[in-house]
C-alpha cells in the first residue's frame, strides 16, 4: 500500500486569522472539524476508512496546529473559519462540500452552515446549539482543577480532566485515547479548553438560524454517551428542515476514533446515498 500523503493549505478567515487544513484521499470533498481539545491529527484512526472514498480536508481550528489565532476568542469567528475552508474547497473542487463536525467542531460546523451555500450535507456527532447552552458548562471545581493543572504545566492532566468530567470513560477507553496519534495534538491544545467551553455556553439554538440549515443533516449520538448535547438531539432535529438521527450502538462520545471502521460506514452511507427529505427526526 502506498504511503499516504497530506497537503497543507491555508485560507484567511474573515477576521484575518489563517486557518490551515490538510488534504488527503480521493473523491468528493469532505471537510472535517474536530472538537476540543485536538488538531487535525485527531482524525488519523478514521482517515484510512474515508480516504478510499472521499477527499478529506481536515481543519486545524484556530489556536492550534498550523492555524494562527486572534487576541480575543469568539465562537462566531469559528463559524466563519469553517465557512472559509468550505468556500475555498468548493472553489478548488468545483462542487459543493460535505462537512462532518465532532463535539465542539459540530457546533461550529452547524454555525458555518448558516453562512455558506457551499455545503451539500452536514453530519454532526454530539455538538450543536441547544435551547439552554448552560448545559455545556463545566462544574466550577473542574474548571478550577484544569486551570491549576495548566498553571503547573500539566497539559495532559487538563485533557484527561476534561474527558473524565464530560464523559464517563472507562480506564481502557482513556488509555486508548492516550495512545492514539491525536494525543500529542490534544495536549498541545490544552490551553484552548476553557475558552471554548465558555463559548459553547453561548451556543443557543435559534429557530430562525436553524431554518437556514436547509441541507440534509445527520445527528449522531452514542448509545452510552453522557455528553450533554445528547439530551437535546430531538429538539435540534425538530428545528432543522431535513434531519435524521443515528444512535451508535454501544458507543460513547468518540466512536469515530475508538470504532473508526464502523463509524466510517455509517458516515459514508449518509453522504453517498440519495438525500432523504424527512421533515424532521427519523431513524
Protein backbone atom coordinates (compact mmCIF):
# COMPACT_ATOMS: atom_id res chain seq x y z
CA UNK A 1 0.00 0.00 0.00
CA UNK A 2 1.49 3.39 -0.98
CA UNK A 3 2.29 5.83 1.82
CA UNK A 4 -0.50 8.32 2.43
CA UNK A 5 0.21 11.96 1.78
CA UNK A 6 -1.27 15.13 3.22
CA UNK A 7 -1.15 18.54 1.58
CA UNK A 8 -1.42 21.62 3.81
CA UNK A 9 -3.36 24.64 2.60
CA UNK A 10 -4.26 27.82 4.46
CA UNK A 11 -7.14 30.19 3.96
CA UNK A 12 -7.73 33.59 5.57
CA UNK A 13 -10.84 33.78 7.69
CA UNK A 14 -12.99 36.91 7.86
CA UNK A 15 -11.01 38.41 10.76
CA UNK A 16 -7.65 37.72 9.12
CA UNK A 17 -6.81 34.54 11.06
CA UNK A 18 -5.04 31.93 8.95
CA UNK A 19 -6.86 28.61 9.08
CA UNK A 20 -4.91 25.56 7.91
CA UNK A 21 -6.39 22.36 6.56
CA UNK A 22 -4.82 19.10 5.48
CA UNK A 23 -5.95 17.31 2.32
CA UNK A 24 -5.70 13.58 1.63
CA UNK A 25 -7.56 10.81 -0.15
CA UNK A 26 -9.60 10.99 -3.34
CA UNK A 27 -13.22 11.51 -4.30
CA UNK A 28 -15.91 14.05 -3.39
CA UNK A 29 -14.79 16.69 -0.86
CA UNK A 30 -15.38 16.24 2.86
CA UNK A 31 -14.34 18.88 5.42
CA UNK A 32 -13.67 17.67 8.98
CA UNK A 33 -13.97 19.96 12.02
CA UNK A 34 -12.50 18.49 15.21
CA UNK A 35 -13.59 19.08 18.78
CA UNK A 36 -11.81 20.41 21.86
CA UNK A 37 -9.00 19.87 22.54
CA UNK A 38 -7.45 18.49 19.37
CA UNK A 39 -5.95 19.33 16.00
CA UNK A 40 -6.24 17.70 12.57
CA UNK A 41 -4.26 14.66 13.77
CA UNK A 42 -7.33 13.64 15.79
CA UNK A 43 -8.73 12.04 12.63
CA UNK A 44 -5.88 9.63 11.87
CA UNK A 45 -7.66 6.47 13.10
CA UNK A 46 -10.64 7.34 10.89
CA UNK A 47 -8.85 8.53 7.76
CA UNK A 48 -7.92 5.12 6.28
CA UNK A 49 -11.63 4.28 6.08
CA UNK A 50 -12.52 7.60 4.43
CA UNK A 51 -9.66 8.30 2.04
CA UNK A 52 -10.63 5.48 -0.31
CA UNK A 53 -13.96 7.19 -0.93
CA UNK A 54 -13.62 10.95 -0.35
CA UNK A 55 -11.07 13.73 -0.44
CA UNK A 56 -10.66 14.74 3.18
CA UNK A 57 -9.88 18.30 4.21
CA UNK A 58 -9.09 18.20 7.94
CA UNK A 59 -9.08 21.59 9.64
CA UNK A 60 -6.73 22.78 12.35
CA UNK A 61 -9.15 25.00 14.24
CA UNK A 62 -7.81 28.38 15.31
CA UNK A 63 -5.27 28.39 18.10
CA UNK A 64 -3.68 25.05 17.35
CA UNK A 65 -1.71 23.05 14.80
CA UNK A 66 -0.75 25.07 11.73
CA UNK A 67 -3.52 27.66 12.19
CA UNK A 68 -2.98 31.05 13.75
CA UNK A 69 -5.07 32.71 16.47
CA UNK A 70 -6.60 36.04 17.40
CA UNK A 71 -6.19 38.10 20.60
CA UNK A 72 -9.83 37.54 21.55
CA UNK A 73 -11.82 34.32 21.19
CA UNK A 74 -15.35 34.18 19.77
CA UNK A 75 -17.43 31.17 18.76
CA UNK A 76 -18.83 33.19 15.85
CA UNK A 77 -15.33 33.60 14.41
CA UNK A 78 -15.06 29.81 14.35
CA UNK A 79 -18.26 29.62 12.28
CA UNK A 80 -16.52 31.92 9.80
CA UNK A 81 -13.37 29.78 9.87
CA UNK A 82 -15.21 26.62 8.80
CA UNK A 83 -17.23 28.54 6.20
CA UNK A 84 -13.99 29.98 4.77
CA UNK A 85 -12.48 26.50 4.40
CA UNK A 86 -15.70 25.15 2.84
CA UNK A 87 -15.80 28.00 0.33
CA UNK A 88 -12.12 27.53 -0.56
CA UNK A 89 -12.56 23.77 -1.06
CA UNK A 90 -15.72 24.32 -3.12
CA UNK A 91 -13.91 26.83 -5.32
CA UNK A 92 -10.99 24.45 -5.87
CA UNK A 93 -13.11 21.35 -6.48
CA UNK A 94 -15.93 22.97 -8.43
CA UNK A 95 -18.61 21.27 -6.32
CA UNK A 96 -20.44 21.53 -3.03
CA UNK A 97 -18.74 20.16 0.05
CA UNK A 98 -19.84 17.70 2.75
CA UNK A 99 -18.95 18.57 6.34
CA UNK A 100 -18.54 16.42 9.44
CA UNK A 101 -18.05 18.04 12.84
CA UNK A 102 -17.41 16.31 16.15
CA UNK A 103 -18.39 17.83 19.52
CA UNK A 104 -17.25 21.47 19.57
CA UNK A 105 -16.48 21.06 15.88
CA UNK A 106 -20.13 20.11 15.37
CA UNK A 107 -21.28 23.38 16.91
CA UNK A 108 -19.04 25.42 14.63
CA UNK A 109 -19.99 23.32 11.58
CA UNK A 110 -23.67 24.00 12.39
CA UNK A 111 -22.89 27.72 12.53
CA UNK A 112 -20.91 27.57 9.28
CA UNK A 113 -23.92 26.03 7.53
CA UNK A 114 -25.82 29.28 8.16
CA UNK A 115 -23.06 31.31 6.44
CA UNK A 116 -22.33 29.45 3.20
CA UNK A 117 -24.35 27.85 0.42
CA UNK A 118 -21.46 25.54 -0.47
CA UNK A 119 -22.36 22.74 1.97
CA UNK A 120 -24.10 19.71 0.41
CA UNK A 121 -24.62 17.53 3.51
CA UNK A 122 -23.78 18.01 7.18
CA UNK A 123 -23.03 15.31 9.78
CA UNK A 124 -22.63 16.20 13.46
CA UNK A 125 -21.66 13.99 16.38
CA UNK A 126 -22.87 15.34 19.75
CA UNK A 127 -22.23 19.04 19.21
CA UNK A 128 -24.98 21.54 18.30
CA UNK A 129 -26.68 24.68 19.59
CA UNK A 130 -29.29 23.88 22.26
CA UNK A 131 -32.16 25.79 23.92
CA UNK A 132 -30.21 26.16 27.17
CA UNK A 133 -26.49 26.18 26.32
CA UNK A 134 -25.55 26.34 30.00
CA UNK A 135 -25.79 22.55 29.88
CA UNK A 136 -22.33 22.72 28.29
CA UNK A 137 -20.82 24.49 31.29
CA UNK A 138 -18.27 22.51 33.27
CA UNK A 139 -18.62 22.29 37.06
CA UNK A 140 -16.72 25.11 38.74
CA UNK A 141 -14.44 22.69 40.58
CA UNK A 142 -13.47 21.03 37.30
CA UNK A 143 -12.59 24.40 35.75
CA UNK A 144 -10.51 25.30 38.81
CA UNK A 145 -8.72 21.96 38.63
CA UNK A 146 -7.96 22.39 34.92
CA UNK A 147 -6.71 25.95 35.47
CA UNK A 148 -4.44 24.69 38.25
CA UNK A 149 -3.13 21.84 36.11
CA UNK A 150 -2.44 24.23 33.23
CA UNK A 151 -0.63 26.65 35.55
CA UNK A 152 1.51 23.74 36.77
CA UNK A 153 2.34 22.77 33.20
CA UNK A 154 0.37 19.51 33.32
CA UNK A 155 -1.31 19.89 29.94
CA UNK A 156 -2.06 16.16 29.67
CA UNK A 157 -3.83 16.38 33.02
CA UNK A 158 -6.04 19.16 31.64
CA UNK A 159 -7.14 16.98 28.74
CA UNK A 160 -7.82 13.96 30.93
CA UNK A 161 -9.78 16.11 33.40
CA UNK A 162 -11.97 17.32 30.53
CA UNK A 163 -12.78 13.85 29.23
CA UNK A 164 -13.29 12.44 32.71
CA UNK A 165 -15.75 15.24 33.56
CA UNK A 166 -17.91 15.23 30.42
CA UNK A 167 -17.86 11.51 29.63
CA UNK A 168 -17.87 8.50 31.92
CA UNK A 169 -14.93 6.96 30.09
CA UNK A 170 -13.61 3.63 31.25
CA UNK A 171 -9.92 3.32 32.12
CA UNK A 172 -9.49 1.24 28.95
CA UNK A 173 -11.04 3.95 26.77
CA UNK A 174 -8.93 6.60 28.46
CA UNK A 175 -5.83 4.50 27.85
CA UNK A 176 -6.81 4.11 24.19
CA UNK A 177 -7.27 7.86 23.89
CA UNK A 178 -3.85 8.50 25.39
CA UNK A 179 -2.21 6.06 22.96
CA UNK A 180 -3.97 7.48 19.88
CA UNK A 181 -1.99 9.54 17.35
CA UNK A 182 -4.12 12.55 18.29
CA UNK A 183 -2.97 12.68 21.91
CA UNK A 184 0.00 14.97 21.27
CA UNK A 185 -2.22 17.46 19.44
CA UNK A 186 -4.79 17.32 22.23
CA UNK A 187 -2.14 18.11 24.83
CA UNK A 188 -0.78 20.97 22.71
CA UNK A 189 -4.27 22.49 22.55
CA UNK A 190 -4.96 22.21 26.29
CA UNK A 191 -4.88 25.99 26.74
CA UNK A 192 -7.94 26.38 24.46
CA UNK A 193 -10.26 24.17 26.50
CA UNK A 194 -11.82 26.61 28.95
CA UNK A 195 -12.32 29.38 26.38
CA UNK A 196 -14.12 27.00 24.03
CA UNK A 197 -16.32 25.54 26.75
CA UNK A 198 -17.27 29.10 27.71
CA UNK A 199 -18.08 29.76 24.05
CA UNK A 200 -20.33 26.69 23.99
CA UNK A 201 -22.39 28.11 26.86
CA UNK A 202 -23.47 30.84 24.41
CA UNK A 203 -24.42 28.43 21.61
CA UNK A 204 -28.19 28.90 21.94
CA UNK A 205 -30.49 27.20 19.43
CA UNK A 206 -32.33 29.81 17.37
CA UNK A 207 -35.22 28.60 15.22
CA UNK A 208 -34.62 31.23 12.54
CA UNK A 209 -30.95 30.29 12.27
CA UNK A 210 -31.70 26.57 12.31
CA UNK A 211 -34.12 27.05 9.40
CA UNK A 212 -31.19 28.33 7.33
CA UNK A 213 -29.56 24.91 7.58
CA UNK A 214 -31.65 23.52 4.75
CA UNK A 215 -29.23 20.76 3.71
CA UNK A 216 -29.65 17.13 4.85
CA UNK A 217 -28.24 16.78 8.38
CA UNK A 218 -27.25 13.61 10.21
CA UNK A 219 -27.22 13.92 14.01
CA UNK A 220 -25.15 11.18 15.65
CA UNK A 221 -25.21 10.16 19.31
CA UNK A 222 -23.56 7.35 21.23
CA UNK A 223 -25.97 4.95 22.91
CA UNK A 224 -23.92 5.04 26.11
CA UNK A 225 -22.79 8.66 25.85
CA UNK A 226 -23.37 11.08 28.71
CA UNK A 227 -22.45 14.15 26.66
CA UNK A 228 -24.94 16.98 27.37
CA UNK A 229 -25.64 17.51 23.65
CA UNK A 230 -27.31 14.09 23.50
CA UNK A 231 -30.28 15.07 25.68
CA UNK A 232 -31.33 17.81 23.22
CA UNK A 233 -30.92 15.90 19.97
CA UNK A 234 -34.68 15.57 19.41
CA UNK A 235 -35.24 19.29 19.86
CA UNK A 236 -32.42 20.11 17.47
CA UNK A 237 -33.67 17.65 14.86
CA UNK A 238 -37.18 19.12 15.05
CA UNK A 239 -35.79 22.61 14.42
CA UNK A 240 -33.98 21.56 11.23
CA UNK A 241 -35.77 21.33 7.87
CA UNK A 242 -34.14 18.00 6.95
CA UNK A 243 -32.67 15.96 9.80
CA UNK A 244 -32.27 12.33 10.78
CA UNK A 245 -30.89 10.71 13.93
CA UNK A 246 -28.46 7.82 14.20
CA UNK A 247 -27.78 6.15 17.56
CA UNK A 248 -24.41 4.39 17.60
CA UNK A 249 -24.99 1.15 19.49
CA UNK A 250 -22.73 0.58 22.46
CA UNK A 251 -20.75 3.76 21.85
CA UNK A 252 -19.92 6.84 23.89
CA UNK A 253 -18.69 10.24 22.68
CA UNK A 254 -15.75 9.27 20.46
CA UNK A 255 -16.84 6.26 18.42
CA UNK A 256 -15.21 7.83 15.36
CA UNK A 257 -11.76 7.12 16.79
CA UNK A 258 -12.49 4.12 19.04
CA UNK A 259 -14.50 2.24 16.39
CA UNK A 260 -13.50 4.06 13.20
CA UNK A 261 -14.34 1.36 10.64
CA UNK A 262 -17.97 1.07 11.69
CA UNK A 263 -18.31 4.79 12.15
CA UNK A 264 -16.99 5.42 8.63
CA UNK A 265 -19.58 3.02 7.20
CA UNK A 266 -22.40 5.00 8.80
CA UNK A 267 -20.98 8.35 7.73
CA UNK A 268 -20.33 7.31 4.13
CA UNK A 269 -23.76 5.73 3.82
CA UNK A 270 -25.34 9.06 4.76
CA UNK A 271 -23.09 11.09 2.48
CA UNK A 272 -23.32 8.91 -0.61
CA UNK A 273 -26.91 7.78 -0.80
CA UNK A 274 -29.83 9.85 -2.11
CA UNK A 275 -30.78 12.70 0.24
CA UNK A 276 -33.78 11.88 2.41
CA UNK A 277 -36.43 14.55 2.89
CA UNK A 278 -37.87 13.56 6.23
CA UNK A 279 -39.08 16.92 7.51
CA UNK A 280 -37.76 16.12 10.97
CA UNK A 281 -36.46 13.25 13.06
CA UNK A 282 -36.12 9.77 11.62
CA UNK A 283 -34.38 6.56 12.49
